[in-house]
Structures are given as C-alpha cells and as structure tokens.
Amino acid sequence: MATAYDEDHSISPSQNDDTDDRRSTIPAASADEKPFPFFGLLCYADKVDWLLMALGTVGSAIHGMAFPIGYLLLGKALDAFGTNINNQEAMVHALYKVVPYVWYMAAATFPAGMVEISCWIYSSERQLACMRLEYLRSVLNQEVGAFDTDLTTANIITGVTNHMNVIQDAIGEKLGHFVASFSTFFAGIIIAFASCWEVAMLSFLVIPLILAIGATYTKKMNVISLSRNAIVSQATSVVEQTLSHIKTVFSFVGENWAMESFVQCTDNQYKLSKKEAVIKGIGLGLFQTVTFCSWALMVWIGAVAVSNRAATGGGTIAAIMSILFGAM
C-alpha cells in the first residue's frame, strides 16, 4: 500500500520547481506594490472642491509672494535712507515712491490670505465628510469575524479620529502652506537675482544644505510619528478591552497581564520620546548652524559687493533675506 501510494502520489522534481517558483513569486508581487499616491487623497473631491482648491492655490501663491516682495520694498526703503542721508527732502521724496507699493501689497495680501485659509479648510472638510461616510460604510460591510481580529474598537476610533485628522491636515491647510512656501521660494530667488546676483549665486550652495537637513529631519520625525500612533493605538486597545471585559479579566486573574501590557506600551513610548528628543536636538542644532553660517557668508559677500559699488545696501539685505527665508 505504501508503495502504491508513493507511485500514485509521488511529486516529480518539475512539480517541486513549480511550487518553489510559485512561492518565490509571492514576495515579488508584494514588492511590486506601489505606495498610495498623494493625489489619491483627493479622489472624493467634486467640482466645487476643485474650484475651492483652485482659488486656494491662487490665494496661497499671492500670499507666499508677499514676503520676498516685502523684503524688496524694505531694501528700497533702506536705500532711500542711505543715499539721501544728508538731504531730508530727497529722502522723503524717495520714500513716497515706496510707501504706495506697501499699501498695494497689504491690500492684495489680506484677501489672498482669507481666500487661502477659508478655501482649503472648507474643501478639506467637504472631502473628509465623504471619507468618513465611506469609511463607516466599509466597516459595516465587513464580516462579523473581522471585528474579533483586525477591526477592534481602538482601530476603528483611531481611523475615524486620528487618521482622518491627519488626512484633513494633508489636503487642507498644510497643502495651502506648501503652495505658499513654494511661491515664497521661487519669488525669493528671482528677487535675489534682481537685487544682488553675487549674493543670489550663493543660494546654490546654501539652499541644498538647508533642504537636505530639513528633508532628513522631516523623514525621521514622520517615522517617529507613525510609531507613536501605533503605540498609542495599542495602549488604547489594551485599556478598552480590559475595561469592557473587566469581569472576565478578574475572573481569570488577568489584571496583572493587562497592567504589564500597558506598562510595556508606555515603556516603548518613553524610549521613542527619548529618540525623538535626540533627533529634534540634532536636527534643529544643525539647521541653526547652517542658517547662521549662511548669514555670515552672505553678509560678507554682500559687503564686498557694496564696497565695489556692484550693489546697494538695501538690495543686498533684500537678497539675503529673500534667499534664507525662502529656503526655510
């Protein structure tokens, strides 16, 4: 019988190879999975939301350009003081040419800021309402067994509150700030080249350093934030499950296990907080070091340009502030 079974049910080497091939293709398929795209968060936007986001983008661009334009006007005002320091009448006449542009900038920035914040926030609230509804519908369509394994009370509450709040920040006010910062960066570079090209050329040295430090710092903090959310969700799940089944816990003498599980979560969060403190200290320290060194280098180059009468003092200050604050 054993021989007959072996002859009938023996596995050939080719079948073994096929099985190994199928097993080896499983990780490859999972490795080919692409991360969720950012613009996929806007899949619930309708025509009204796209209109609001377009208006918010225009408002963010105008609001972002206000800072380098303000530095340019400040430089012109300083030049009016410096070049006419012995002639008060000429100084006032030169300032009269600058002051109206400040009023124009203020008149344009005020409504632009209102449109930016209101449109982005209102659009994100509309989209988030649709997301919450779809999330609730998806949860209710799950099988009953899923609520005993993956869909715990803590996971559902975390998805409705914390995760949705993160998505709202990403597609709302933070997206408006990103557009404004992008506008500030490019407007600052253009104004720096128009004011003092010698100082503006240093932007190719300074800006990559600042961006590299900022990108590394942000990446590390995002990883820590995800880890913290997982730890908090786990601790919340332990507390909720213990309190909701408190009679069962006491019946099986499981209070010590619950306390140990919660203490383990708090210990992990404490270790994560220490790591976060170290990363924040090093990141902010490097950022401040590069910033102040850049200030010193740009001021020195600007002083040389002003001494050689290749640029004005106000133009040099406008270029320095536009580059550094635009890069930040």
Protein backbone atom coordinates (compact mmCIF):
# COMPACT_ATOMS: atom_id res chain seq x y z
CA MET A 1 0.00 0.00 0.00
CA ALA A 2 2.78 2.36 0.81
CA THR A 3 4.46 1.58 -2.49
CA ALA A 4 1.27 2.13 -4.43
CA TYR A 5 0.70 5.40 -2.62
CA ASP A 6 4.22 6.54 -3.39
CA GLU A 7 3.83 5.65 -7.05
CA ASP A 8 0.46 7.33 -7.42
CA HIS A 9 1.12 10.41 -5.35
CA SER A 10 4.82 10.97 -5.81
CA ILE A 11 5.84 14.52 -6.66
CA SER A 12 8.16 14.96 -9.57
CA PRO A 13 11.11 17.37 -9.48
CA SER A 14 9.39 19.58 -12.03
CA GLN A 15 6.40 19.92 -9.71
CA ASN A 16 8.75 20.85 -6.88
CA ASP A 17 10.27 23.50 -9.08
CA ASP A 18 6.83 24.83 -9.94
CA THR A 19 5.93 25.00 -6.28
CA ASP A 20 9.16 26.82 -5.46
CA ASP A 21 8.53 29.22 -8.32
CA ARG A 22 5.06 29.99 -7.04
CA ARG A 23 6.37 30.56 -3.54
CA SER A 24 9.15 32.78 -4.81
CA THR A 25 6.72 34.91 -6.77
CA ILE A 26 4.69 35.82 -3.70
CA PRO A 27 7.23 38.25 -2.19
CA ALA A 28 7.90 39.67 -5.64
CA ALA A 29 4.24 40.51 -6.06
CA SER A 30 4.14 42.22 -2.70
CA ALA A 31 7.34 44.08 -3.50
CA ASP A 32 5.80 45.46 -6.70
CA GLU A 33 3.02 47.15 -4.74
CA LYS A 34 3.28 50.90 -5.12
CA PRO A 35 2.66 53.32 -2.25
CA PHE A 36 -0.60 55.18 -2.20
CA PRO A 37 -0.20 58.39 -4.24
CA PHE A 38 -0.77 61.73 -2.57
CA PHE A 39 -3.30 62.91 -5.14
CA GLY A 40 -5.29 59.77 -4.40
CA LEU A 41 -6.41 61.58 -1.24
CA LEU A 42 -8.32 63.97 -3.49
CA CYS A 43 -10.41 61.22 -5.08
CA TYR A 44 -13.55 62.36 -3.22
CA ALA A 45 -13.31 65.95 -4.49
CA ASP A 46 -16.15 67.15 -6.71
CA LYS A 47 -16.35 70.21 -8.96
CA VAL A 48 -16.99 72.56 -6.05
CA ASP A 49 -13.98 71.21 -4.18
CA TRP A 50 -11.72 71.60 -7.22
CA LEU A 51 -12.94 75.18 -7.63
CA LEU A 52 -12.22 75.89 -3.97
CA MET A 53 -8.76 74.34 -4.26
CA ALA A 54 -8.02 76.41 -7.37
CA LEU A 55 -9.00 79.61 -5.55
CA GLY A 56 -6.98 78.50 -2.54
CA THR A 57 -3.95 77.87 -4.76
CA VAL A 58 -4.16 81.39 -6.21
CA GLY A 59 -4.52 82.86 -2.73
CA SER A 60 -1.58 80.79 -1.45
CA ALA A 61 0.63 81.91 -4.34
CA ILE A 62 -0.16 85.59 -3.75
CA HIS A 63 0.25 85.20 -0.01
CA GLY A 64 3.60 83.45 -0.47
CA MET A 65 4.98 86.12 -2.81
CA ALA A 66 4.20 88.83 -0.27
CA PHE A 67 7.23 88.02 1.89
CA PRO A 68 10.01 88.43 -0.72
CA ILE A 69 8.21 91.45 -2.19
CA GLY A 70 8.14 92.94 1.29
CA TYR A 71 11.89 92.37 1.62
CA LEU A 72 12.39 94.08 -1.75
CA LEU A 73 10.41 97.11 -0.60
CA LEU A 74 12.35 97.14 2.66
CA GLY A 75 15.59 97.21 0.69
CA LYS A 76 14.36 100.13 -1.40
CA ALA A 77 13.36 101.99 1.77
CA LEU A 78 16.83 101.41 3.25
CA ASP A 79 18.40 102.69 0.04
CA ALA A 80 16.22 105.78 0.29
CA PHE A 81 17.61 106.41 3.77
CA GLY A 82 21.21 105.60 2.87
CA THR A 83 21.57 107.50 -0.38
CA ASN A 84 19.81 110.63 0.89
CA ILE A 85 21.05 110.71 4.46
CA ASN A 86 22.14 114.35 4.16
CA ASN A 87 19.09 115.51 2.19
CA GLN A 88 15.87 115.13 4.13
CA GLU A 89 13.65 116.39 1.32
CA ALA A 90 15.08 113.91 -1.17
CA MET A 91 14.76 111.15 1.41
CA VAL A 92 11.06 111.86 1.94
CA HIS A 93 10.51 112.07 -1.81
CA ALA A 94 12.19 108.68 -2.30
CA LEU A 95 10.13 107.13 0.49
CA TYR A 96 6.92 108.46 -1.05
CA LYS A 97 7.70 106.31 -4.08
CA VAL A 98 7.99 103.17 -1.94
CA VAL A 99 5.11 103.60 0.52
CA PRO A 100 2.25 103.21 -2.02
CA TYR A 101 3.59 99.81 -3.07
CA VAL A 102 3.47 98.71 0.56
CA TRP A 103 -0.20 99.66 0.70
CA TYR A 104 -0.85 97.81 -2.55
CA MET A 105 0.85 94.71 -1.18
CA ALA A 106 -1.16 94.89 2.04
CA ALA A 107 -4.40 95.32 0.09
CA ALA A 108 -3.61 92.24 -2.00
CA THR A 109 -2.29 90.07 0.83
CA PHE A 110 -5.28 90.46 3.16
CA PRO A 111 -7.93 88.96 0.84
CA ALA A 112 -5.42 86.43 -0.51
CA GLY A 113 -4.78 85.11 2.99
CA MET A 114 -8.50 84.88 3.71
CA VAL A 115 -9.17 83.05 0.44
CA GLU A 116 -6.24 80.70 1.06
CA ILE A 117 -7.26 79.56 4.53
CA SER A 118 -11.03 79.50 4.02
CA CYS A 119 -10.98 77.66 0.68
CA TRP A 120 -8.51 74.98 1.71
CA ILE A 121 -10.18 74.31 5.06
CA TYR A 122 -13.71 74.27 3.63
CA SER A 123 -12.64 71.98 0.78
CA SER A 124 -10.92 69.57 3.18
CA GLU A 125 -14.00 69.48 5.43
CA ARG A 126 -16.24 68.60 2.48
CA GLN A 127 -13.93 65.82 1.32
CA LEU A 128 -13.44 64.50 4.83
CA ALA A 129 -17.19 64.16 5.33
CA CYS A 130 -17.33 61.88 2.27
CA MET A 131 -14.31 59.91 3.52
CA ARG A 132 -15.86 59.33 6.94
CA LEU A 133 -19.08 58.14 5.34
CA GLU A 134 -17.23 55.72 3.05
CA TYR A 135 -15.09 54.51 5.95
CA LEU A 136 -18.17 53.79 8.06
CA ARG A 137 -19.86 52.04 5.13
CA SER A 138 -16.75 49.92 4.57
CA VAL A 139 -16.57 48.95 8.25
CA LEU A 140 -20.23 47.94 8.35
CA ASN A 141 -19.80 45.79 5.24
CA GLN A 142 -17.11 43.63 6.87
CA GLU A 143 -17.77 40.13 8.11
CA VAL A 144 -18.55 39.58 11.77
CA GLY A 145 -15.29 37.72 12.35
CA ALA A 146 -13.27 40.77 11.35
CA PHE A 147 -14.44 42.61 14.47
CA ASP A 148 -12.75 39.97 16.63
CA THR A 149 -9.36 40.24 14.91
CA ASP A 150 -8.39 43.37 12.98
CA LEU A 151 -11.32 45.73 13.45
CA THR A 152 -11.01 46.38 17.15
CA THR A 153 -12.72 49.31 18.79
CA ALA A 154 -9.41 51.16 19.13
CA ASN A 155 -8.57 50.71 15.44
CA ILE A 156 -11.98 51.96 14.33
CA ILE A 157 -11.87 55.00 16.61
CA THR A 158 -8.28 55.75 15.58
CA GLY A 159 -9.25 55.55 11.92
CA VAL A 160 -12.19 57.91 12.37
CA THR A 161 -10.35 60.46 14.51
CA ASN A 162 -6.56 60.45 14.28
CA HIS A 163 -6.11 59.17 10.75
CA MET A 164 -8.87 61.36 9.36
CA ASN A 165 -7.39 64.40 11.09
CA VAL A 166 -4.01 63.68 9.51
CA ILE A 167 -5.64 63.40 6.08
CA GLN A 168 -7.53 66.64 6.66
CA ASP A 169 -4.31 68.46 7.51
CA ALA A 170 -2.60 67.00 4.45
CA ILE A 171 -5.28 68.06 1.94
CA GLY A 172 -6.29 71.23 3.73
CA GLU A 173 -4.32 73.94 5.46
CA LYS A 174 -0.93 72.24 5.10
CA LEU A 175 -1.36 71.92 1.34
CA GLY A 176 -2.07 75.65 1.22
CA HIS A 177 1.05 76.33 3.28
CA PHE A 178 3.05 74.15 0.90
CA VAL A 179 1.91 76.16 -2.13
CA ALA A 180 2.64 79.41 -0.27
CA SER A 181 6.13 78.20 0.70
CA PHE A 182 6.79 77.10 -2.88
CA SER A 183 5.77 80.55 -4.10
CA THR A 184 7.95 82.22 -1.46
CA PHE A 185 10.94 80.14 -2.52
CA PHE A 186 10.80 80.93 -6.23
CA ALA A 187 9.84 84.57 -5.74
CA GLY A 188 12.73 84.94 -3.29
CA ILE A 189 15.22 83.51 -5.79
CA ILE A 190 14.01 85.85 -8.54
CA ILE A 191 14.12 88.92 -6.29
CA ALA A 192 17.57 87.94 -5.00
CA PHE A 193 18.97 87.76 -8.54
CA ALA A 194 17.33 91.08 -9.39
CA SER A 195 18.71 92.78 -6.26
CA CYS A 196 22.23 91.36 -5.92
CA TRP A 197 23.28 88.50 -8.15
CA GLU A 198 26.52 87.93 -6.21
CA VAL A 199 24.56 87.02 -3.10
CA ALA A 200 21.97 85.12 -5.12
CA MET A 201 24.65 82.83 -6.55
CA LEU A 202 25.30 81.60 -3.01
CA SER A 203 21.80 80.17 -2.98
CA PHE A 204 23.10 77.20 -4.99
CA LEU A 205 25.38 76.43 -2.04
CA VAL A 206 23.15 77.37 0.89
CA ILE A 207 19.74 76.11 -0.19
CA PRO A 208 20.75 72.46 -0.86
CA LEU A 209 22.26 72.23 2.64
CA ILE A 210 19.14 73.66 4.27
CA LEU A 211 16.84 71.45 2.19
CA ALA A 212 18.89 68.32 2.93
CA ILE A 213 18.77 68.95 6.67
CA GLY A 214 15.07 69.77 6.57
CA ALA A 215 14.20 66.72 4.46
CA THR A 216 16.17 64.35 6.71
CA TYR A 217 14.65 65.86 9.84
CA THR A 218 11.12 65.61 8.43
CA LYS A 219 11.61 62.00 7.33
CA LYS A 220 12.86 60.94 10.76
CA MET A 221 10.02 62.74 12.52
CA ASN A 222 7.43 61.14 10.24
CA VAL A 223 8.74 57.68 11.10
CA ILE A 224 8.57 58.51 14.80
CA SER A 225 5.05 59.88 14.40
CA LEU A 226 3.86 56.66 12.77
CA SER A 227 5.47 54.59 15.51
CA ARG A 228 3.86 56.75 18.19
CA ASN A 229 0.43 56.35 16.62
CA ALA A 230 0.86 52.57 16.59
CA ILE A 231 1.94 52.52 20.25
CA VAL A 232 -0.91 54.79 21.34
CA SER A 233 -3.40 52.66 19.40
CA GLN A 234 -2.06 49.52 21.07
CA ALA A 235 -2.25 51.07 24.55
CA THR A 236 -5.77 52.33 23.88
CA SER A 237 -6.80 48.88 22.71
CA VAL A 238 -5.44 47.28 25.90
CA VAL A 239 -7.31 49.74 28.12
CA GLU A 240 -10.58 49.49 26.22
CA GLN A 241 -10.56 45.71 26.05
CA THR A 242 -9.70 45.44 29.73
CA LEU A 243 -12.43 47.82 30.85
CA SER A 244 -15.07 46.41 28.51
CA HIS A 245 -14.40 42.85 29.77
CA ILE A 246 -13.48 43.73 33.33
CA LYS A 247 -15.49 40.87 34.84
CA THR A 248 -13.79 38.32 32.63
CA VAL A 249 -10.39 39.81 33.42
CA PHE A 250 -10.95 39.50 37.16
CA SER A 251 -12.44 36.03 36.80
CA PHE A 252 -9.31 34.70 35.09
CA VAL A 253 -6.94 36.84 37.20
CA GLY A 254 -5.77 38.76 34.15
CA GLU A 255 -5.31 42.18 35.73
CA ASN A 256 -1.55 41.66 36.07
CA TRP A 257 -1.28 40.81 32.38
CA ALA A 258 -3.26 43.93 31.47
CA MET A 259 -1.04 46.10 33.65
CA GLU A 260 2.12 44.57 32.19
CA SER A 261 0.85 45.11 28.65
CA PHE A 262 0.04 48.75 29.36
CA VAL A 263 3.39 49.31 31.08
CA GLN A 264 5.14 47.78 28.07
CA CYS A 265 3.35 50.25 25.78
CA THR A 266 4.32 53.19 27.98
CA ASP A 267 7.93 52.00 28.10
CA ASN A 268 8.03 51.83 24.31
CA GLN A 269 6.59 55.32 24.10
CA TYR A 270 9.19 56.57 26.60
CA LYS A 271 12.02 55.12 24.52
CA LEU A 272 10.50 56.64 21.41
CA SER A 273 10.25 60.03 23.13
CA LYS A 274 13.95 59.93 24.02
CA LYS A 275 14.80 59.14 20.41
CA GLU A 276 12.56 61.98 19.26
CA ALA A 277 14.29 64.41 21.64
CA VAL A 278 17.72 63.45 20.30
CA ILE A 279 16.62 63.83 16.67
CA LYS A 280 14.97 67.18 17.38
CA GLY A 281 18.04 68.48 19.17
CA ILE A 282 20.47 67.40 16.46
CA GLY A 283 18.19 68.48 13.61
CA LEU A 284 17.41 71.93 14.97
CA GLY A 285 21.04 72.42 16.00
CA LEU A 286 22.32 71.62 12.51
CA PHE A 287 19.63 73.80 10.97
CA GLN A 288 20.54 76.79 13.12
CA THR A 289 24.26 76.25 12.50
CA VAL A 290 23.84 76.19 8.72
CA THR A 291 21.50 79.18 8.84
CA PHE A 292 23.83 81.42 10.86
CA CYS A 293 26.87 80.37 8.83
CA SER A 294 24.92 81.21 5.69
CA TRP A 295 24.02 84.60 7.14
CA ALA A 296 27.68 85.32 7.84
CA LEU A 297 28.84 84.23 4.38
CA MET A 298 26.13 86.19 2.57
CA VAL A 299 26.73 89.34 4.60
CA TRP A 300 30.44 89.14 3.81
CA ILE A 301 29.81 88.69 0.07
CA GLY A 302 27.23 91.48 0.17
CA ALA A 303 29.66 93.81 1.93
CA VAL A 304 32.27 93.15 -0.76
CA ALA A 305 29.68 93.86 -3.48
CA VAL A 306 28.60 97.11 -1.81
CA SER A 307 32.24 98.19 -1.33
CA ASN A 308 32.88 97.66 -5.04
CA ARG A 309 29.65 99.54 -5.83
CA ALA A 310 28.29 96.48 -7.60
CA ALA A 311 25.15 96.52 -5.45
CA THR A 312 23.35 98.70 -2.93
CA GLY A 313 23.00 98.03 0.76
CA GLY A 314 19.23 97.71 0.59
CA GLY A 315 19.41 95.37 -2.40
CA THR A 316 21.93 93.19 -0.59
CA ILE A 317 19.74 92.93 2.51
CA ALA A 318 16.71 92.15 0.36
CA ALA A 319 18.62 89.39 -1.45
CA ILE A 320 19.90 87.83 1.79
CA MET A 321 16.51 87.80 3.49
CA SER A 322 14.71 86.56 0.37
CA ILE A 323 17.06 83.60 -0.03
CA LEU A 324 17.22 82.49 3.58
CA PHE A 325 13.57 82.96 4.48
CA GLY A 326 12.53 81.48 1.14
CA ALA A 327 14.65 78.38 1.79
CA MET A 328 13.21 77.95 5.27
